[in-house]
Amino acid sequence: MIAEEEVKGAGKLWLKSLRPPKANATDRHVQAWRWAVAITTGVNTLALAAHVALACGLISPVYAGFAHATDVEQIQHERKVERQTDLEQKILEIREKQCASTGQVKALHAGTLQKMLVEYQKLSGAPYPMPSCEDFQ
């Protein structure tokens, strides 16, 4: 088994080989430096490509990835349905309060209700079927 000191020593040696050669370096030393830089660049490129492939689930038998686009779409759809249901409930509550109130309070509820109806239509793509005040009696 490789000792920890040997690994550290090899790492230090590799880092040393990445230092640019001095101006009076031999051709052999310059060529060795070029190879060290090329190999390091290649290894980094392969590591990045492997990371992206794993993260995106492109190598699914090995690793499923962080999140598939379908998972994200499903979560977005669930959140949209939750928000739409929440809005429907709040619209009914505000409408009931609006029908039971008078004067400025009724106008205040109408403004709030209008904002919620606009948001509902943006979310669902259809207008909300507003119940009449008689439906609450």
C-alpha atoms as a PDB file:
ATOM      1  CA  MET A   1       0.000   0.000   0.000  1.00  0.00           C
ATOM      2  CA  ILE A   2       1.213   3.502  -0.803  1.00  0.00           C
ATOM      3  CA  ALA A   3       2.234   5.495   2.239  1.00  0.00           C
ATOM      4  CA  GLU A   4       0.812   8.944   2.867  1.00  0.00           C
ATOM      5  CA  GLU A   5       4.292  10.469   2.740  1.00  0.00           C
ATOM      6  CA  GLU A   6       4.847   9.016  -0.719  1.00  0.00           C
ATOM      7  CA  VAL A   7       1.617  10.561  -1.994  1.00  0.00           C
ATOM      8  CA  LYS A   8       2.513  13.947  -0.482  1.00  0.00           C
ATOM      9  CA  GLY A   9       5.980  13.700  -1.969  1.00  0.00           C
ATOM     10  CA  ALA A  10       4.594  12.869  -5.431  1.00  0.00           C
ATOM     11  CA  GLY A  11       2.156  15.783  -5.154  1.00  0.00           C
ATOM     12  CA  LYS A  12       4.918  18.205  -4.210  1.00  0.00           C
ATOM     13  CA  LEU A  13       7.075  16.904  -7.064  1.00  0.00           C
ATOM     14  CA  TRP A  14       4.193  17.365  -9.525  1.00  0.00           C
ATOM     15  CA  LEU A  15       3.536  20.916  -8.299  1.00  0.00           C
ATOM     16  CA  LYS A  16       7.234  21.665  -8.692  1.00  0.00           C
ATOM     17  CA  SER A  17       7.092  20.404 -12.257  1.00  0.00           C
ATOM     18  CA  LEU A  18       4.350  22.949 -13.044  1.00  0.00           C
ATOM     19  CA  ARG A  19       6.558  25.928 -12.231  1.00  0.00           C
ATOM     20  CA  PRO A  20       7.684  27.647 -15.414  1.00  0.00           C
ATOM     21  CA  PRO A  21      11.322  26.992 -16.239  1.00  0.00           C
ATOM     22  CA  LYS A  22      13.935  29.700 -15.802  1.00  0.00           C
ATOM     23  CA  ALA A  23      15.204  31.613 -18.804  1.00  0.00           C
ATOM     24  CA  ASN A  24      18.430  29.590 -18.966  1.00  0.00           C
ATOM     25  CA  ALA A  25      16.693  26.167 -18.681  1.00  0.00           C
ATOM     26  CA  THR A  26      17.651  23.365 -21.021  1.00  0.00           C
ATOM     27  CA  ASP A  27      15.383  22.262 -23.845  1.00  0.00           C
ATOM     28  CA  ARG A  28      14.775  18.987 -22.028  1.00  0.00           C
ATOM     29  CA  HIS A  29      13.592  20.861 -18.902  1.00  0.00           C
ATOM     30  CA  VAL A  30      11.293  23.124 -20.980  1.00  0.00           C
ATOM     31  CA  GLN A  31       9.847  20.072 -22.767  1.00  0.00           C
ATOM     32  CA  ALA A  32       9.226  18.300 -19.430  1.00  0.00           C
ATOM     33  CA  TRP A  33       7.456  21.426 -18.125  1.00  0.00           C
ATOM     34  CA  ARG A  34       5.261  21.573 -21.241  1.00  0.00           C
ATOM     35  CA  TRP A  35       4.283  17.919 -20.796  1.00  0.00           C
ATOM     36  CA  ALA A  36       3.485  18.469 -17.112  1.00  0.00           C
ATOM     37  CA  VAL A  37       1.215  21.415 -17.988  1.00  0.00           C
ATOM     38  CA  ALA A  38      -0.461  19.466 -20.821  1.00  0.00           C
ATOM     39  CA  ILE A  39      -1.093  16.402 -18.639  1.00  0.00           C
ATOM     40  CA  THR A  40      -2.422  18.551 -15.771  1.00  0.00           C
ATOM     41  CA  THR A  41      -4.749  20.396 -18.164  1.00  0.00           C
ATOM     42  CA  GLY A  42      -5.968  17.103 -19.639  1.00  0.00           C
ATOM     43  CA  VAL A  43      -6.615  15.555 -16.228  1.00  0.00           C
ATOM     44  CA  ASN A  44      -8.515  18.656 -15.087  1.00  0.00           C
ATOM     45  CA  THR A  45     -10.589  18.633 -18.282  1.00  0.00           C
ATOM     46  CA  LEU A  46     -11.467  14.957 -17.855  1.00  0.00           C
ATOM     47  CA  ALA A  47     -12.339  15.496 -14.192  1.00  0.00           C
ATOM     48  CA  LEU A  48     -14.637  18.398 -15.087  1.00  0.00           C
ATOM     49  CA  ALA A  49     -16.311  16.392 -17.860  1.00  0.00           C
ATOM     50  CA  ALA A  50     -16.826  13.454 -15.484  1.00  0.00           C
ATOM     51  CA  HIS A  51     -18.266  15.770 -12.841  1.00  0.00           C
ATOM     52  CA  VAL A  52     -20.741  17.313 -15.287  1.00  0.00           C
ATOM     53  CA  ALA A  53     -21.729  13.892 -16.623  1.00  0.00           C
ATOM     54  CA  LEU A  54     -22.333  12.586 -13.103  1.00  0.00           C
ATOM     55  CA  ALA A  55     -24.182  15.688 -11.939  1.00  0.00           C
ATOM     56  CA  CYS A  56     -26.511  15.686 -14.933  1.00  0.00           C
ATOM     57  CA  GLY A  57     -27.235  11.985 -14.637  1.00  0.00           C
ATOM     58  CA  LEU A  58     -25.638  11.165 -17.995  1.00  0.00           C
ATOM     59  CA  ILE A  59     -24.027   8.112 -16.440  1.00  0.00           C
ATOM     60  CA  SER A  60     -27.155   6.925 -14.629  1.00  0.00           C
ATOM     61  CA  PRO A  61     -26.026   3.321 -14.015  1.00  0.00           C
ATOM     62  CA  VAL A  62     -23.135   4.735 -11.973  1.00  0.00           C
ATOM     63  CA  TYR A  63     -24.847   7.731 -10.364  1.00  0.00           C
ATOM     64  CA  ALA A  64     -28.367   9.063 -10.897  1.00  0.00           C
ATOM     65  CA  GLY A  65     -27.354  12.726 -10.753  1.00  0.00           C
ATOM     66  CA  PHE A  66     -28.532  15.575  -8.577  1.00  0.00           C
ATOM     67  CA  ALA A  67     -31.851  16.413 -10.210  1.00  0.00           C
ATOM     68  CA  HIS A  68     -33.411  15.518 -13.510  1.00  0.00           C
ATOM     69  CA  ALA A  69     -35.333  18.120 -15.453  1.00  0.00           C
ATOM     70  CA  THR A  70     -38.498  16.050 -15.014  1.00  0.00           C
ATOM     71  CA  ASP A  71     -38.038  16.167 -11.226  1.00  0.00           C
ATOM     72  CA  VAL A  72     -37.744  19.939 -11.317  1.00  0.00           C
ATOM     73  CA  GLU A  73     -40.801  20.240 -13.568  1.00  0.00           C
ATOM     74  CA  GLN A  74     -42.803  18.001 -11.237  1.00  0.00           C
ATOM     75  CA  ILE A  75     -41.864  20.099  -8.208  1.00  0.00           C
ATOM     76  CA  GLN A  76     -42.776  23.301 -10.059  1.00  0.00           C
ATOM     77  CA  HIS A  77     -46.130  21.808 -11.057  1.00  0.00           C
ATOM     78  CA  GLU A  78     -46.849  20.733  -7.469  1.00  0.00           C
ATOM     79  CA  ARG A  79     -46.007  24.210  -6.171  1.00  0.00           C
ATOM     80  CA  LYS A  80     -48.257  25.764  -8.821  1.00  0.00           C
ATOM     81  CA  VAL A  81     -51.175  23.510  -7.816  1.00  0.00           C
ATOM     82  CA  GLU A  82     -50.595  24.315  -4.127  1.00  0.00           C
ATOM     83  CA  ARG A  83     -50.534  28.048  -4.834  1.00  0.00           C
ATOM     84  CA  GLN A  84     -53.650  27.820  -7.003  1.00  0.00           C
ATOM     85  CA  THR A  85     -55.536  25.910  -4.287  1.00  0.00           C
ATOM     86  CA  ASP A  86     -54.405  28.406  -1.658  1.00  0.00           C
ATOM     87  CA  LEU A  87     -55.533  31.313  -3.851  1.00  0.00           C
ATOM     88  CA  GLU A  88     -58.950  29.737  -4.439  1.00  0.00           C
ATOM     89  CA  GLN A  89     -59.485  29.401  -0.705  1.00  0.00           C
ATOM     90  CA  LYS A  90     -58.382  32.968   0.008  1.00  0.00           C
ATOM     91  CA  ILE A  91     -60.497  34.374  -2.832  1.00  0.00           C
ATOM     92  CA  LEU A  92     -63.576  32.703  -1.344  1.00  0.00           C
ATOM     93  CA  GLU A  93     -62.768  34.057   2.127  1.00  0.00           C
ATOM     94  CA  ILE A  94     -62.278  37.607   0.833  1.00  0.00           C
ATOM     95  CA  ARG A  95     -65.426  37.372  -1.305  1.00  0.00           C
ATOM     96  CA  GLU A  96     -67.442  36.259   1.710  1.00  0.00           C
ATOM     97  CA  LYS A  97     -66.062  39.160   3.785  1.00  0.00           C
ATOM     98  CA  GLN A  98     -66.736  41.562   0.915  1.00  0.00           C
ATOM     99  CA  CYS A  99     -70.370  40.449   0.660  1.00  0.00           C
ATOM    100  CA  ALA A 100     -70.858  40.838   4.427  1.00  0.00           C
ATOM    101  CA  SER A 101     -69.254  44.301   4.660  1.00  0.00           C
ATOM    102  CA  THR A 102     -70.270  47.800   3.592  1.00  0.00           C
ATOM    103  CA  GLY A 103     -68.681  51.104   2.643  1.00  0.00           C
ATOM    104  CA  GLN A 104     -64.919  51.524   2.611  1.00  0.00           C
ATOM    105  CA  VAL A 105     -64.304  48.040   3.978  1.00  0.00           C
ATOM    106  CA  LYS A 106     -66.197  46.581   1.017  1.00  0.00           C
ATOM    107  CA  ALA A 107     -64.050  48.662  -1.378  1.00  0.00           C
ATOM    108  CA  LEU A 108     -60.885  47.531   0.399  1.00  0.00           C
ATOM    109  CA  HIS A 109     -61.928  43.894  -0.017  1.00  0.00           C
ATOM    110  CA  ALA A 110     -62.707  44.558  -3.680  1.00  0.00           C
ATOM    111  CA  GLY A 111     -59.166  45.844  -4.280  1.00  0.00           C
ATOM    112  CA  THR A 112     -57.599  42.875  -2.539  1.00  0.00           C
ATOM    113  CA  LEU A 113     -59.896  40.521  -4.404  1.00  0.00           C
ATOM    114  CA  GLN A 114     -58.976  42.059  -7.755  1.00  0.00           C
ATOM    115  CA  LYS A 115     -55.254  41.533  -7.119  1.00  0.00           C
ATOM    116  CA  MET A 116     -55.875  37.921  -6.173  1.00  0.00           C
ATOM    117  CA  LEU A 117     -58.027  37.335  -9.252  1.00  0.00           C
ATOM    118  CA  VAL A 118     -55.283  38.684 -11.521  1.00  0.00           C
ATOM    119  CA  GLU A 119     -52.734  36.408  -9.861  1.00  0.00           C
ATOM    120  CA  TYR A 120     -55.097  33.442 -10.159  1.00  0.00           C
ATOM    121  CA  GLN A 121     -55.623  34.070 -13.876  1.00  0.00           C
ATOM    122  CA  LYS A 122     -51.863  34.339 -14.474  1.00  0.00           C
ATOM    123  CA  LEU A 123     -51.318  31.117 -12.572  1.00  0.00           C
ATOM    124  CA  SER A 124     -54.139  29.025 -14.003  1.00  0.00           C
ATOM    125  CA  GLY A 125     -54.633  30.643 -17.397  1.00  0.00           C
ATOM    126  CA  ALA A 126     -58.383  30.952 -16.801  1.00  0.00           C
ATOM    127  CA  PRO A 127     -60.528  33.434 -14.887  1.00  0.00           C
ATOM    128  CA  TYR A 128     -61.801  32.420 -11.478  1.00  0.00           C
ATOM    129  CA  PRO A 129     -65.554  31.663 -11.433  1.00  0.00           C
ATOM    130  CA  MET A 130     -66.582  34.314  -8.920  1.00  0.00           C
ATOM    131  CA  PRO A 131     -69.580  33.334  -6.764  1.00  0.00           C
ATOM    132  CA  SER A 132     -72.295  35.911  -6.191  1.00  0.00           C
ATOM    133  CA  CYS A 133     -73.087  37.271  -2.760  1.00  0.00           C
ATOM    134  CA  GLU A 134     -76.339  35.316  -2.739  1.00  0.00           C
ATOM    135  CA  ASP A 135     -74.294  32.080  -2.750  1.00  0.00           C
ATOM    136  CA  PHE A 136     -72.969  32.929   0.744  1.00  0.00           C
ATOM    137  CA  GLN A 137     -76.386  33.369   2.352  1.00  0.00           C
END
